[in-house]
Amino acid sequence: MERFLVFFLISLMASGAHSASFTFTNRCPYTVWPGILSGGGSSPSATGYELGSGASTSQNIPVPWTGRFWGRTQCTNNGGRLVCATGDCASGQVGCNGAGAIPPVTLAEFTLGGDGGKDFYDISLVDGFNLPISITPTSGCPVTSCPANVNLVCPSELSIKNGGETIACKSACLAFNSPQYCCTGANNQPSTCPPTDYSRVFKNACPQAYSYAYDDQSSTFTCGTGADYTITFCP
């Protein structure tokens, strides 16, 4: 979250007159409900969708902007409220309306128009994992992806199950709330918060994604101004 806010402060120092187009594509064999949360900048015209298997939808977001996207799964209408087994934002609606995802959840994080007008983006498993995601920019910028189903290798002590099947995988920080896993207290520096056996489970499955708080070097990507992006679920 600190990195999320720092990126937004940087973006406030840059100006941008364009909008970035985001296309959401669902290649999962089930329906996904994408959620959107703004951390700074203009609010998107929609903050959530219902996306059937094989479907796509797009929207423009004015730059500068900081925010995140994720996928909700196994959503049902419960007494007139939308309730999701993973990634729920507890809005009770298709739109998340300013509410964030309840972890564990795979996040696609963005700062548009940041330092020097560049975009910064990453896939984060710091709050755990619920489904595979990829980010594909235009303009020849790097693709980043978490294509593996981490639920298949999730340790039992991190696993969230439904009917005996693992549907999401907690981070060790979320599961144990310990400084050594959350990089807090005396462990609030990279030198005192190295990777753990738990974070390596996520990193081995998805080498390009953030596996814990200080996993920056191989997980943050940049793109020049004017890029558009495709967020793919189950790439």
Protein backbone atom coordinates (compact mmCIF):
# COMPACT_ATOMS: atom_id res chain seq x y z
CA MET A 1 0.00 0.00 0.00
CA GLU A 2 2.90 2.41 0.73
CA ARG A 3 4.27 1.83 -2.77
CA PHE A 4 0.76 2.40 -4.12
CA LEU A 5 0.53 5.85 -2.42
CA VAL A 6 4.08 6.89 -3.33
CA PHE A 7 3.38 6.23 -7.01
CA PHE A 8 0.31 8.47 -6.80
CA LEU A 9 2.28 11.33 -5.20
CA ILE A 10 4.78 11.08 -8.03
CA SER A 11 1.97 11.12 -10.56
CA LEU A 12 0.62 14.38 -9.17
CA MET A 13 3.82 16.09 -10.30
CA ALA A 14 3.26 15.00 -13.88
CA SER A 15 0.57 16.23 -16.22
CA GLY A 16 -1.23 14.27 -18.89
CA ALA A 17 -3.93 15.17 -21.35
CA HIS A 18 -4.68 11.70 -22.67
CA SER A 19 -6.64 8.70 -21.51
CA ALA A 20 -5.40 5.14 -21.33
CA SER A 21 -7.63 2.41 -22.72
CA PHE A 22 -7.97 -0.73 -20.62
CA THR A 23 -9.40 -3.90 -22.16
CA PHE A 24 -10.47 -6.69 -19.82
CA THR A 25 -10.49 -10.16 -21.35
CA ASN A 26 -11.68 -13.33 -19.63
CA ARG A 27 -10.05 -16.54 -20.85
CA CYS A 28 -11.09 -18.48 -17.76
CA PRO A 29 -13.61 -21.30 -18.26
CA TYR A 30 -15.93 -19.50 -15.84
CA THR A 31 -17.35 -16.02 -15.32
CA VAL A 32 -15.11 -13.39 -13.71
CA TRP A 33 -16.30 -10.12 -12.18
CA PRO A 34 -13.44 -7.57 -12.60
CA GLY A 35 -13.19 -4.96 -9.85
CA ILE A 36 -11.57 -1.51 -10.06
CA LEU A 37 -10.29 0.72 -7.24
CA SER A 38 -8.84 4.22 -7.74
CA GLY A 39 -6.05 5.39 -5.46
CA GLY A 40 -5.82 8.82 -7.07
CA GLY A 41 -6.93 10.69 -10.14
CA SER A 42 -10.29 10.61 -11.90
CA SER A 43 -12.74 7.88 -10.95
CA PRO A 44 -13.36 5.40 -13.79
CA SER A 45 -16.80 5.46 -15.37
CA ALA A 46 -17.34 1.87 -14.16
CA THR A 47 -15.82 0.18 -11.11
CA GLY A 48 -16.78 -3.39 -11.96
CA TYR A 49 -18.09 -5.72 -14.64
CA GLU A 50 -19.55 -9.16 -15.14
CA LEU A 51 -17.40 -10.88 -17.75
CA GLY A 52 -18.44 -14.27 -19.08
CA SER A 53 -15.92 -16.81 -20.30
CA GLY A 54 -14.42 -15.57 -23.58
CA ALA A 55 -15.85 -12.05 -23.20
CA SER A 56 -14.05 -8.69 -23.32
CA THR A 57 -14.92 -5.11 -22.40
CA SER A 58 -13.01 -1.82 -22.42
CA GLN A 59 -12.99 1.58 -20.81
CA ASN A 60 -10.83 4.72 -20.88
CA ILE A 61 -9.22 6.16 -17.75
CA PRO A 62 -7.85 9.75 -17.79
CA VAL A 63 -4.17 10.20 -16.96
CA PRO A 64 -2.70 10.74 -14.35
CA TRP A 65 -4.28 7.91 -12.40
CA THR A 66 -3.32 5.35 -9.79
CA GLY A 67 -5.36 2.25 -9.17
CA ARG A 68 -5.72 -1.49 -9.23
CA PHE A 69 -7.74 -4.19 -10.96
CA TRP A 70 -8.62 -7.70 -9.85
CA GLY A 71 -11.01 -10.53 -10.63
CA ARG A 72 -13.83 -11.74 -8.40
CA THR A 73 -14.88 -15.38 -8.72
CA GLN A 74 -17.82 -17.60 -7.80
CA CYS A 75 -20.17 -14.65 -7.41
CA THR A 76 -23.85 -15.21 -6.68
CA ASN A 77 -26.89 -13.05 -6.05
CA ASN A 78 -27.71 -13.45 -2.37
CA GLY A 79 -30.90 -11.64 -1.39
CA GLY A 80 -30.33 -8.97 -4.01
CA ARG A 81 -26.64 -8.54 -3.15
CA LEU A 82 -23.71 -9.77 -5.23
CA VAL A 83 -21.51 -11.94 -3.02
CA CYS A 84 -18.22 -13.42 -4.32
CA ALA A 85 -16.22 -16.32 -2.91
CA THR A 86 -12.89 -14.64 -3.80
CA GLY A 87 -11.93 -11.01 -4.42
CA ASP A 88 -15.23 -9.69 -3.03
CA CYS A 89 -15.34 -5.93 -2.50
CA ALA A 90 -18.46 -6.17 -0.29
CA SER A 91 -20.33 -3.52 -2.29
CA GLY A 92 -23.11 -5.97 -3.01
CA GLN A 93 -23.10 -4.79 -6.62
CA VAL A 94 -21.26 -5.41 -9.86
CA GLY A 95 -19.49 -2.07 -9.33
CA CYS A 96 -17.17 -1.90 -6.34
CA ASN A 97 -17.95 1.81 -5.87
CA GLY A 98 -14.73 2.79 -4.09
CA ALA A 99 -14.26 -0.44 -2.13
CA GLY A 100 -11.17 -2.60 -2.46
CA ALA A 101 -10.78 -6.35 -2.75
CA ILE A 102 -10.92 -8.56 0.30
CA PRO A 103 -7.72 -10.65 0.23
CA PRO A 104 -6.41 -13.08 -0.79
CA VAL A 105 -6.56 -11.74 -4.32
CA THR A 106 -4.30 -11.28 -7.34
CA LEU A 107 -3.86 -7.55 -8.07
CA ALA A 108 -2.87 -5.67 -11.23
CA GLU A 109 -1.53 -2.32 -9.97
CA PHE A 110 -0.97 0.82 -12.05
CA THR A 111 0.36 4.34 -11.86
CA LEU A 112 -0.31 6.18 -15.12
CA GLY A 113 1.70 9.32 -15.87
CA GLY A 114 4.17 8.88 -13.02
CA ASP A 115 7.84 9.90 -12.82
CA GLY A 116 8.81 11.57 -16.09
CA GLY A 117 5.33 10.88 -17.46
CA LYS A 118 5.94 7.13 -17.46
CA ASP A 119 3.51 4.41 -16.47
CA PHE A 120 4.39 1.95 -13.70
CA TYR A 121 2.63 -1.39 -13.39
CA ASP A 122 2.95 -4.72 -11.62
CA ILE A 123 1.13 -7.88 -10.66
CA SER A 124 1.03 -8.31 -6.89
CA LEU A 125 0.57 -11.50 -4.87
CA VAL A 126 1.48 -9.68 -1.64
CA ASP A 127 -2.17 -10.03 -0.59
CA GLY A 128 -2.31 -13.61 -1.84
CA PHE A 129 -3.67 -15.20 -5.04
CA ASN A 130 -7.06 -16.10 -6.42
CA LEU A 131 -6.67 -16.41 -10.21
CA PRO A 132 -4.04 -15.93 -12.97
CA ILE A 133 -3.68 -12.46 -14.55
CA SER A 134 -1.52 -10.83 -17.22
CA ILE A 135 -0.87 -7.20 -18.22
CA THR A 136 -0.16 -6.57 -21.91
CA PRO A 137 0.70 -2.97 -22.89
CA THR A 138 0.87 -1.50 -26.35
CA SER A 139 3.89 0.41 -27.68
CA GLY A 140 6.21 -2.58 -27.31
CA CYS A 141 6.43 -2.26 -23.53
CA PRO A 142 7.08 -5.34 -21.37
CA VAL A 143 4.32 -7.85 -20.72
CA THR A 144 4.04 -9.09 -17.15
CA SER A 145 2.08 -12.15 -16.22
CA CYS A 146 1.13 -14.56 -13.47
CA PRO A 147 -0.15 -17.38 -15.69
CA ALA A 148 0.16 -20.22 -13.17
CA ASN A 149 -2.63 -21.43 -10.91
CA VAL A 150 -0.94 -20.94 -7.54
CA ASN A 151 -3.92 -22.60 -5.87
CA LEU A 152 -2.60 -25.95 -7.12
CA VAL A 153 0.64 -25.56 -5.09
CA CYS A 154 -0.76 -23.59 -2.14
CA PRO A 155 0.40 -24.91 1.27
CA SER A 156 -2.52 -26.19 3.32
CA GLU A 157 -1.98 -23.57 6.03
CA LEU A 158 -2.48 -20.80 3.44
CA SER A 159 -5.31 -22.43 1.54
CA ILE A 160 -8.92 -21.23 1.37
CA LYS A 161 -11.17 -24.07 0.33
CA ASN A 162 -14.68 -24.44 -1.00
CA GLY A 163 -16.05 -27.95 -1.23
CA GLY A 164 -12.57 -29.40 -0.72
CA GLU A 165 -11.08 -27.37 -3.59
CA THR A 166 -8.55 -24.58 -2.99
CA ILE A 167 -10.09 -21.42 -4.45
CA ALA A 168 -7.56 -18.89 -3.10
CA CYS A 169 -4.15 -18.85 -1.44
CA LYS A 170 -3.33 -16.49 1.42
CA SER A 171 0.01 -14.74 1.70
CA ALA A 172 1.98 -15.68 4.82
CA CYS A 173 1.47 -12.11 6.08
CA LEU A 174 -2.30 -12.48 5.78
CA ALA A 175 -2.28 -15.95 7.33
CA PHE A 176 0.06 -15.33 10.28
CA ASN A 177 0.22 -11.50 10.69
CA SER A 178 3.87 -11.80 11.72
CA PRO A 179 6.56 -9.09 11.21
CA GLN A 180 8.86 -11.57 9.48
CA TYR A 181 6.23 -12.16 6.80
CA CYS A 182 4.64 -8.68 6.74
CA CYS A 183 7.97 -6.76 6.77
CA THR A 184 6.86 -4.65 9.73
CA GLY A 185 8.48 -3.64 13.01
CA ALA A 186 12.14 -4.64 13.12
CA ASN A 187 11.63 -6.35 9.76
CA ASN A 188 10.66 -3.16 7.89
CA GLN A 189 13.76 -3.01 5.67
CA PRO A 190 14.79 -5.18 2.71
CA SER A 191 17.86 -6.27 4.67
CA THR A 192 15.72 -7.54 7.56
CA CYS A 193 12.85 -8.96 5.51
CA PRO A 194 14.25 -11.45 2.97
CA PRO A 195 12.19 -13.97 0.99
CA THR A 196 10.70 -16.85 2.97
CA ASP A 197 9.73 -20.38 2.04
CA TYR A 198 6.15 -19.14 1.74
CA SER A 199 6.94 -16.20 -0.54
CA ARG A 200 9.03 -18.53 -2.72
CA VAL A 201 5.92 -20.63 -3.38
CA PHE A 202 4.40 -17.59 -5.10
CA LYS A 203 7.65 -16.49 -6.75
CA ASN A 204 8.43 -19.91 -8.18
CA ALA A 205 4.95 -20.12 -9.69
CA CYS A 206 4.90 -16.52 -10.99
CA PRO A 207 8.47 -15.13 -11.27
CA GLN A 208 7.33 -11.72 -12.59
CA ALA A 209 4.86 -11.02 -9.78
CA TYR A 210 5.43 -9.43 -6.38
CA SER A 211 5.66 -12.27 -3.89
CA TYR A 212 6.17 -10.14 -0.75
CA ALA A 213 6.62 -6.48 0.20
CA TYR A 214 10.26 -5.99 -0.89
CA ASP A 215 10.17 -8.03 -4.07
CA ASP A 216 10.71 -4.93 -6.26
CA GLN A 217 13.64 -5.67 -8.54
CA SER A 218 11.98 -8.27 -10.75
CA SER A 219 8.38 -7.18 -10.38
CA THR A 220 7.90 -3.50 -11.32
CA PHE A 221 7.61 -2.56 -14.99
CA THR A 222 7.53 0.78 -16.79
CA CYS A 223 6.14 2.07 -20.07
CA GLY A 224 6.28 5.41 -21.87
CA THR A 225 3.35 7.76 -22.11
CA GLY A 226 0.35 6.99 -24.28
CA ALA A 227 0.20 3.22 -23.81
CA ASP A 228 -3.02 1.21 -23.62
CA TYR A 229 -3.33 -2.04 -21.71
CA THR A 230 -5.08 -5.41 -21.82
CA ILE A 231 -5.79 -7.17 -18.53
CA THR A 232 -6.34 -10.87 -19.18
CA PHE A 233 -7.77 -13.27 -16.64
CA CYS A 234 -6.41 -16.84 -17.04
CA PRO A 235 -3.93 -15.87 -19.80
